[in-house]
Amino acid sequence: MKSLVNVQNKRDDLAILNYQKVLSIQKRQLPEDHPDIARTLFVLGHSYVSLKQFEQAEKFMQEALQIRRKSLSGNHRDLAMTYSSLGSLYKIIMKNELALEYFLKAREIHLASGIPEALDLWIIETSIKQLQDIGCTVPSSTLN
């Protein structure tokens, strides 16, 4: 809880230290593909985005994605959120084709869930349109 408050207060450096401690404990006590580990990695990734440390952010979010792909159903909201967050990260660092690919995968998962979260879907759709408007295309998906 202390770490979440730090993130909300924009004290990301302190939040990162606390979440790294949490992650260390989780990795000792939980199976390597446990969803709680993915959640901690995901939050660490977002904290690094806030600090504009994009390589670190990508590393943690990709690790969270790999765990979530193994441990969650294919249409789980957390999986879609992870793809969407990676899409946003890639958009920030101007890897627009990759961003589009991740947003398309996030949309696919949201729609497959049967009950997509309206705001999440709107953000994804808006991002897809923005990327397509500047000429981004994805020849074939590699995210399966």
N, C-alpha and C. Protein backbone atom coordinates (compact mmCIF):
# COMPACT_ATOMS: atom_id res chain seq x y z
N MET A 1 0.82 -1.19 0.00
CA MET A 1 0.00 0.00 0.00
C MET A 1 0.87 1.26 0.00
N LYS A 2 1.94 1.21 0.78
CA LYS A 2 2.86 2.34 0.85
C LYS A 2 3.40 2.68 -0.54
N SER A 3 3.71 1.67 -1.34
CA SER A 3 4.25 1.90 -2.68
C SER A 3 3.23 2.56 -3.58
N LEU A 4 1.97 2.13 -3.49
CA LEU A 4 0.92 2.71 -4.33
C LEU A 4 0.76 4.18 -4.01
N VAL A 5 0.80 4.55 -2.75
CA VAL A 5 0.70 5.95 -2.36
C VAL A 5 1.86 6.74 -2.95
N ASN A 6 3.05 6.17 -2.93
CA ASN A 6 4.20 6.86 -3.51
C ASN A 6 4.02 7.10 -4.99
N VAL A 7 3.46 6.14 -5.73
CA VAL A 7 3.22 6.32 -7.16
C VAL A 7 2.22 7.45 -7.35
N GLN A 8 1.15 7.42 -6.58
CA GLN A 8 0.12 8.44 -6.73
C GLN A 8 0.64 9.82 -6.37
N ASN A 9 1.61 9.90 -5.51
CA ASN A 9 2.19 11.18 -5.11
C ASN A 9 3.35 11.58 -6.02
N LYS A 10 3.55 10.87 -7.10
CA LYS A 10 4.62 11.15 -8.06
C LYS A 10 6.00 11.01 -7.45
N ARG A 11 6.12 10.17 -6.46
CA ARG A 11 7.42 9.88 -5.88
C ARG A 11 7.87 8.55 -6.44
N ASP A 12 8.01 8.52 -7.74
CA ASP A 12 8.26 7.27 -8.43
C ASP A 12 9.58 6.63 -8.05
N ASP A 13 10.57 7.43 -7.74
CA ASP A 13 11.85 6.84 -7.34
C ASP A 13 11.70 6.03 -6.07
N LEU A 14 10.96 6.54 -5.10
CA LEU A 14 10.71 5.81 -3.86
C LEU A 14 9.78 4.62 -4.11
N ALA A 15 8.80 4.82 -4.96
CA ALA A 15 7.88 3.73 -5.30
C ALA A 15 8.65 2.59 -5.94
N ILE A 16 9.58 2.92 -6.83
CA ILE A 16 10.38 1.88 -7.49
C ILE A 16 11.17 1.07 -6.47
N LEU A 17 11.80 1.75 -5.53
CA LEU A 17 12.55 1.02 -4.50
C LEU A 17 11.64 0.08 -3.72
N ASN A 18 10.47 0.56 -3.34
CA ASN A 18 9.54 -0.28 -2.59
C ASN A 18 9.02 -1.44 -3.43
N TYR A 19 8.68 -1.18 -4.68
CA TYR A 19 8.18 -2.26 -5.54
C TYR A 19 9.28 -3.28 -5.86
N GLN A 20 10.52 -2.82 -5.95
CA GLN A 20 11.61 -3.77 -6.17
C GLN A 20 11.76 -4.70 -4.97
N LYS A 21 11.55 -4.17 -3.77
CA LYS A 21 11.57 -5.02 -2.57
C LYS A 21 10.43 -6.03 -2.62
N VAL A 22 9.24 -5.55 -3.00
CA VAL A 22 8.08 -6.43 -3.12
C VAL A 22 8.37 -7.52 -4.13
N LEU A 23 8.91 -7.14 -5.29
CA LEU A 23 9.21 -8.09 -6.34
C LEU A 23 10.20 -9.15 -5.87
N SER A 24 11.21 -8.72 -5.14
CA SER A 24 12.20 -9.66 -4.62
C SER A 24 11.54 -10.70 -3.71
N ILE A 25 10.66 -10.25 -2.85
CA ILE A 25 9.94 -11.17 -1.95
C ILE A 25 9.03 -12.10 -2.75
N GLN A 26 8.29 -11.52 -3.70
CA GLN A 26 7.38 -12.33 -4.52
C GLN A 26 8.13 -13.41 -5.28
N LYS A 27 9.28 -13.06 -5.83
CA LYS A 27 10.04 -14.04 -6.62
C LYS A 27 10.60 -15.17 -5.76
N ARG A 28 10.80 -14.89 -4.49
CA ARG A 28 11.25 -15.95 -3.57
C ARG A 28 10.09 -16.84 -3.12
N GLN A 29 8.89 -16.27 -3.01
CA GLN A 29 7.79 -16.98 -2.38
C GLN A 29 6.71 -17.49 -3.33
N LEU A 30 6.67 -17.00 -4.55
CA LEU A 30 5.61 -17.37 -5.48
C LEU A 30 6.18 -18.09 -6.70
N PRO A 31 5.34 -18.86 -7.39
CA PRO A 31 5.79 -19.45 -8.66
C PRO A 31 6.17 -18.33 -9.63
N GLU A 32 7.11 -18.62 -10.51
CA GLU A 32 7.65 -17.57 -11.40
C GLU A 32 6.62 -16.95 -12.33
N ASP A 33 5.51 -17.64 -12.59
CA ASP A 33 4.50 -17.09 -13.49
C ASP A 33 3.22 -16.68 -12.73
N HIS A 34 3.38 -16.29 -11.49
CA HIS A 34 2.23 -15.89 -10.67
C HIS A 34 1.74 -14.50 -11.10
N PRO A 35 0.43 -14.31 -11.20
CA PRO A 35 -0.12 -13.00 -11.61
C PRO A 35 0.29 -11.84 -10.71
N ASP A 36 0.54 -12.09 -9.44
CA ASP A 36 0.98 -11.00 -8.55
C ASP A 36 2.35 -10.46 -8.96
N ILE A 37 3.21 -11.34 -9.43
CA ILE A 37 4.52 -10.89 -9.92
C ILE A 37 4.32 -10.03 -11.16
N ALA A 38 3.44 -10.45 -12.04
CA ALA A 38 3.16 -9.67 -13.25
C ALA A 38 2.62 -8.29 -12.88
N ARG A 39 1.75 -8.22 -11.89
CA ARG A 39 1.18 -6.94 -11.48
C ARG A 39 2.29 -6.01 -10.97
N THR A 40 3.20 -6.53 -10.17
CA THR A 40 4.29 -5.72 -9.65
C THR A 40 5.20 -5.25 -10.78
N LEU A 41 5.52 -6.13 -11.71
CA LEU A 41 6.34 -5.76 -12.86
C LEU A 41 5.66 -4.67 -13.69
N PHE A 42 4.35 -4.80 -13.87
CA PHE A 42 3.56 -3.84 -14.63
C PHE A 42 3.64 -2.45 -13.97
N VAL A 43 3.46 -2.40 -12.66
CA VAL A 43 3.51 -1.12 -11.95
C VAL A 43 4.93 -0.54 -12.00
N LEU A 44 5.93 -1.38 -11.87
CA LEU A 44 7.31 -0.91 -12.02
C LEU A 44 7.52 -0.30 -13.40
N GLY A 45 7.00 -0.95 -14.42
CA GLY A 45 7.11 -0.41 -15.78
C GLY A 45 6.51 0.97 -15.88
N HIS A 46 5.32 1.14 -15.33
CA HIS A 46 4.67 2.46 -15.36
C HIS A 46 5.46 3.50 -14.57
N SER A 47 6.05 3.08 -13.47
CA SER A 47 6.86 4.01 -12.69
C SER A 47 8.07 4.49 -13.50
N TYR A 48 8.68 3.58 -14.24
CA TYR A 48 9.82 3.96 -15.07
C TYR A 48 9.39 4.86 -16.24
N VAL A 49 8.19 4.66 -16.76
CA VAL A 49 7.68 5.58 -17.79
C VAL A 49 7.59 6.99 -17.22
N SER A 50 7.07 7.10 -16.00
CA SER A 50 6.94 8.41 -15.35
C SER A 50 8.29 9.11 -15.21
N LEU A 51 9.33 8.32 -15.03
CA LEU A 51 10.68 8.87 -14.91
C LEU A 51 11.38 9.01 -16.27
N LYS A 52 10.66 8.68 -17.33
CA LYS A 52 11.19 8.73 -18.70
C LYS A 52 12.37 7.78 -18.91
N GLN A 53 12.39 6.71 -18.15
CA GLN A 53 13.39 5.65 -18.31
C GLN A 53 12.74 4.53 -19.11
N PHE A 54 12.63 4.78 -20.41
CA PHE A 54 11.79 3.96 -21.27
C PHE A 54 12.33 2.55 -21.49
N GLU A 55 13.65 2.38 -21.53
CA GLU A 55 14.20 1.03 -21.70
C GLU A 55 13.85 0.15 -20.50
N GLN A 56 13.98 0.71 -19.31
CA GLN A 56 13.61 -0.04 -18.10
C GLN A 56 12.11 -0.32 -18.09
N ALA A 57 11.33 0.67 -18.48
CA ALA A 57 9.87 0.49 -18.53
C ALA A 57 9.50 -0.65 -19.46
N GLU A 58 10.11 -0.67 -20.64
CA GLU A 58 9.82 -1.73 -21.60
C GLU A 58 10.20 -3.09 -21.04
N LYS A 59 11.35 -3.17 -20.41
CA LYS A 59 11.82 -4.44 -19.84
C LYS A 59 10.80 -4.99 -18.85
N PHE A 60 10.36 -4.17 -17.93
CA PHE A 60 9.42 -4.65 -16.91
C PHE A 60 8.05 -4.96 -17.50
N MET A 61 7.57 -4.12 -18.41
CA MET A 61 6.26 -4.39 -19.01
C MET A 61 6.27 -5.63 -19.88
N GLN A 62 7.36 -5.85 -20.61
CA GLN A 62 7.45 -7.06 -21.43
C GLN A 62 7.49 -8.31 -20.55
N GLU A 63 8.19 -8.22 -19.43
CA GLU A 63 8.23 -9.36 -18.51
C GLU A 63 6.84 -9.62 -17.93
N ALA A 64 6.13 -8.55 -17.58
CA ALA A 64 4.75 -8.69 -17.09
C ALA A 64 3.87 -9.33 -18.16
N LEU A 65 4.05 -8.90 -19.41
CA LEU A 65 3.26 -9.46 -20.51
C LEU A 65 3.51 -10.96 -20.65
N GLN A 66 4.76 -11.38 -20.58
CA GLN A 66 5.07 -12.81 -20.73
C GLN A 66 4.40 -13.64 -19.64
N ILE A 67 4.43 -13.13 -18.42
CA ILE A 67 3.78 -13.86 -17.32
C ILE A 67 2.27 -13.88 -17.53
N ARG A 68 1.71 -12.75 -17.89
CA ARG A 68 0.26 -12.69 -18.08
C ARG A 68 -0.19 -13.56 -19.24
N ARG A 69 0.61 -13.66 -20.27
CA ARG A 69 0.24 -14.54 -21.39
C ARG A 69 0.19 -16.00 -20.94
N LYS A 70 1.05 -16.37 -19.99
CA LYS A 70 1.07 -17.75 -19.48
C LYS A 70 -0.02 -18.00 -18.45
N SER A 71 -0.28 -17.02 -17.60
CA SER A 71 -1.10 -17.27 -16.41
C SER A 71 -2.55 -16.82 -16.52
N LEU A 72 -2.89 -16.02 -17.52
CA LEU A 72 -4.26 -15.52 -17.64
C LEU A 72 -4.92 -16.06 -18.90
N SER A 73 -6.24 -16.02 -18.91
CA SER A 73 -6.96 -16.42 -20.11
C SER A 73 -6.67 -15.42 -21.23
N GLY A 74 -6.84 -15.84 -22.45
CA GLY A 74 -6.52 -15.02 -23.61
C GLY A 74 -7.36 -13.77 -23.75
N ASN A 75 -8.47 -13.68 -23.03
CA ASN A 75 -9.31 -12.48 -23.14
C ASN A 75 -9.42 -11.75 -21.79
N HIS A 76 -8.41 -11.89 -20.95
CA HIS A 76 -8.41 -11.25 -19.64
C HIS A 76 -8.09 -9.76 -19.78
N ARG A 77 -8.80 -8.95 -19.01
CA ARG A 77 -8.64 -7.49 -19.06
C ARG A 77 -7.19 -7.07 -18.76
N ASP A 78 -6.54 -7.72 -17.80
CA ASP A 78 -5.16 -7.35 -17.46
C ASP A 78 -4.20 -7.59 -18.63
N LEU A 79 -4.48 -8.61 -19.42
CA LEU A 79 -3.67 -8.87 -20.60
C LEU A 79 -3.85 -7.74 -21.61
N ALA A 80 -5.10 -7.34 -21.83
CA ALA A 80 -5.37 -6.23 -22.74
C ALA A 80 -4.72 -4.94 -22.25
N MET A 81 -4.79 -4.69 -20.95
CA MET A 81 -4.17 -3.49 -20.38
C MET A 81 -2.67 -3.48 -20.60
N THR A 82 -2.05 -4.64 -20.50
CA THR A 82 -0.61 -4.72 -20.69
C THR A 82 -0.24 -4.42 -22.14
N TYR A 83 -0.98 -5.01 -23.08
CA TYR A 83 -0.73 -4.69 -24.49
C TYR A 83 -0.95 -3.20 -24.76
N SER A 84 -2.00 -2.64 -24.20
CA SER A 84 -2.29 -1.23 -24.40
C SER A 84 -1.20 -0.34 -23.82
N SER A 85 -0.73 -0.67 -22.63
CA SER A 85 0.34 0.12 -22.00
C SER A 85 1.63 0.04 -22.80
N LEU A 86 1.94 -1.13 -23.32
CA LEU A 86 3.12 -1.25 -24.18
C LEU A 86 2.91 -0.46 -25.47
N GLY A 87 1.70 -0.47 -26.00
CA GLY A 87 1.41 0.35 -27.17
C GLY A 87 1.66 1.82 -26.89
N SER A 88 1.22 2.28 -25.73
CA SER A 88 1.45 3.68 -25.34
C SER A 88 2.93 3.98 -25.20
N LEU A 89 3.66 3.06 -24.59
CA LEU A 89 5.11 3.25 -24.45
C LEU A 89 5.77 3.34 -25.82
N TYR A 90 5.43 2.42 -26.72
CA TYR A 90 6.04 2.44 -28.05
C TYR A 90 5.66 3.70 -28.82
N LYS A 91 4.46 4.21 -28.58
CA LYS A 91 4.04 5.46 -29.22
C LYS A 91 4.89 6.62 -28.70
N ILE A 92 5.14 6.65 -27.40
CA ILE A 92 5.96 7.70 -26.79
C ILE A 92 7.36 7.70 -27.39
N ILE A 93 7.93 6.52 -27.60
CA ILE A 93 9.32 6.45 -28.09
C ILE A 93 9.38 6.34 -29.62
N MET A 94 8.25 6.62 -30.25
CA MET A 94 8.16 6.73 -31.71
C MET A 94 8.38 5.42 -32.45
N LYS A 95 8.09 4.32 -31.83
CA LYS A 95 8.08 3.03 -32.52
C LYS A 95 6.63 2.77 -32.91
N ASN A 96 6.17 3.58 -33.87
CA ASN A 96 4.74 3.65 -34.16
C ASN A 96 4.14 2.38 -34.73
N GLU A 97 4.85 1.67 -35.58
CA GLU A 97 4.30 0.43 -36.14
C GLU A 97 4.11 -0.61 -35.03
N LEU A 98 5.09 -0.67 -34.15
CA LEU A 98 4.99 -1.59 -33.01
C LEU A 98 3.86 -1.16 -32.08
N ALA A 99 3.74 0.13 -31.85
CA ALA A 99 2.64 0.65 -31.02
C ALA A 99 1.30 0.23 -31.61
N LEU A 100 1.14 0.40 -32.91
CA LEU A 100 -0.11 0.03 -33.57
C LEU A 100 -0.40 -1.45 -33.38
N GLU A 101 0.61 -2.26 -33.54
CA GLU A 101 0.44 -3.71 -33.39
C GLU A 101 -0.06 -4.06 -31.98
N TYR A 102 0.52 -3.43 -30.98
CA TYR A 102 0.12 -3.70 -29.60
C TYR A 102 -1.29 -3.18 -29.32
N PHE A 103 -1.63 -2.02 -29.85
CA PHE A 103 -2.98 -1.50 -29.66
C PHE A 103 -4.02 -2.39 -30.34
N LEU A 104 -3.70 -2.88 -31.52
CA LEU A 104 -4.63 -3.78 -32.22
C LEU A 104 -4.85 -5.06 -31.41
N LYS A 105 -3.79 -5.59 -30.82
CA LYS A 105 -3.92 -6.79 -30.00
C LYS A 105 -4.75 -6.48 -28.74
N ALA A 106 -4.54 -5.33 -28.14
CA ALA A 106 -5.33 -4.93 -26.96
C ALA A 106 -6.81 -4.83 -27.32
N ARG A 107 -7.10 -4.24 -28.48
CA ARG A 107 -8.50 -4.13 -28.92
C ARG A 107 -9.11 -5.50 -29.13
N GLU A 108 -8.36 -6.38 -29.78
CA GLU A 108 -8.84 -7.74 -30.04
C GLU A 108 -9.22 -8.44 -28.72
N ILE A 109 -8.38 -8.30 -27.73
CA ILE A 109 -8.63 -8.94 -26.43
C ILE A 109 -9.84 -8.31 -25.75
N HIS A 110 -9.90 -6.99 -25.75
CA HIS A 110 -11.06 -6.32 -25.13
C HIS A 110 -12.36 -6.77 -25.77
N LEU A 111 -12.39 -6.82 -27.09
CA LEU A 111 -13.62 -7.22 -27.78
C LEU A 111 -13.95 -8.68 -27.52
N ALA A 112 -12.94 -9.52 -27.41
CA ALA A 112 -13.17 -10.95 -27.16
C ALA A 112 -13.68 -11.20 -25.74
N SER A 113 -13.45 -10.25 -24.85
CA SER A 113 -13.87 -10.44 -23.46
C SER A 113 -15.39 -10.44 -23.32
N GLY A 114 -16.08 -9.89 -24.31
CA GLY A 114 -17.54 -9.85 -24.26
C GLY A 114 -18.08 -8.65 -23.52
N ILE A 115 -17.31 -8.11 -22.60
CA ILE A 115 -17.74 -6.93 -21.84
C ILE A 115 -16.57 -5.95 -21.79
N PRO A 116 -16.23 -5.32 -22.92
CA PRO A 116 -15.07 -4.43 -22.91
C PRO A 116 -15.33 -3.20 -22.05
N GLU A 117 -14.31 -2.76 -21.37
CA GLU A 117 -14.37 -1.54 -20.57
C GLU A 117 -14.39 -0.36 -21.54
N ALA A 118 -15.45 0.46 -21.47
CA ALA A 118 -15.68 1.51 -22.46
C ALA A 118 -14.51 2.50 -22.55
N LEU A 119 -14.02 2.98 -21.42
CA LEU A 119 -12.94 3.95 -21.45
C LEU A 119 -11.66 3.35 -22.03
N ASP A 120 -11.32 2.15 -21.59
CA ASP A 120 -10.13 1.48 -22.13
C ASP A 120 -10.23 1.31 -23.63
N LEU A 121 -11.38 0.87 -24.09
CA LEU A 121 -11.58 0.65 -25.52
C LEU A 121 -11.50 1.97 -26.28
N TRP A 122 -12.06 3.03 -25.73
CA TRP A 122 -12.01 4.35 -26.37
C TRP A 122 -10.56 4.81 -26.51
N ILE A 123 -9.76 4.65 -25.46
CA ILE A 123 -8.35 5.05 -25.50
C ILE A 123 -7.61 4.26 -26.58
N ILE A 124 -7.86 2.97 -26.63
CA ILE A 124 -7.22 2.11 -27.63
C ILE A 124 -7.63 2.52 -29.03
N GLU A 125 -8.94 2.69 -29.25
CA GLU A 125 -9.44 3.07 -30.57
C GLU A 125 -8.87 4.42 -31.01
N THR A 126 -8.80 5.37 -30.09
CA THR A 126 -8.25 6.69 -30.41
C THR A 126 -6.78 6.58 -30.79
N SER A 127 -6.04 5.78 -30.07
CA SER A 127 -4.61 5.60 -30.37
C SER A 127 -4.42 4.92 -31.72
N ILE A 128 -5.24 3.92 -32.01
CA ILE A 128 -5.16 3.24 -33.31
C ILE A 128 -5.42 4.24 -34.43
N LYS A 129 -6.47 5.05 -34.28
CA LYS A 129 -6.81 6.03 -35.31
C LYS A 129 -5.68 7.04 -35.50
N GLN A 130 -5.11 7.53 -34.41
CA GLN A 130 -4.01 8.49 -34.51
C GLN A 130 -2.83 7.90 -35.27
N LEU A 131 -2.50 6.67 -34.98
CA LEU A 131 -1.38 6.02 -35.65
C LEU A 131 -1.68 5.76 -37.12
N GLN A 132 -2.90 5.33 -37.41
CA GLN A 132 -3.27 5.10 -38.80
C GLN A 132 -3.32 6.41 -39.58
N ASP A 133 -3.73 7.49 -38.92
CA ASP A 133 -3.80 8.80 -39.58
C ASP A 133 -2.43 9.31 -39.99
N ILE A 134 -1.37 8.86 -39.31
CA ILE A 134 -0.03 9.29 -39.72
C ILE A 134 0.64 8.26 -40.63
N GLY A 135 -0.15 7.29 -41.07
CA GLY A 135 0.34 6.34 -42.07
C GLY A 135 0.89 5.03 -41.55
N CYS A 136 0.73 4.75 -40.29
CA CYS A 136 1.23 3.48 -39.75
C CYS A 136 0.38 2.32 -40.21
N THR A 137 1.05 1.25 -40.56
CA THR A 137 0.37 0.01 -40.90
C THR A 137 1.14 -1.14 -40.29
N VAL A 138 0.44 -2.23 -40.12
CA VAL A 138 1.07 -3.45 -39.61
C VAL A 138 0.80 -4.53 -40.65
N PRO A 139 1.84 -4.99 -41.39
CA PRO A 139 1.61 -5.97 -42.45
C PRO A 139 1.01 -7.28 -41.96
N SER A 140 1.56 -7.83 -40.88
CA SER A 140 1.01 -9.05 -40.30
C SER A 140 1.42 -9.13 -38.85
N SER A 141 0.53 -9.60 -38.02
CA SER A 141 0.78 -9.60 -36.58
C SER A 141 1.83 -10.64 -36.20
N THR A 142 2.69 -10.25 -35.30
CA THR A 142 3.68 -11.18 -34.74
C THR A 142 3.43 -11.40 -33.26
N LEU A 143 2.28 -10.94 -32.76
CA LEU A 143 2.03 -10.97 -31.32
C LEU A 143 1.23 -12.16 -30.85
N ASN A 144 0.96 -13.13 -31.67
CA ASN A 144 0.11 -14.25 -31.26
C ASN A 144 0.64 -14.97 -30.14
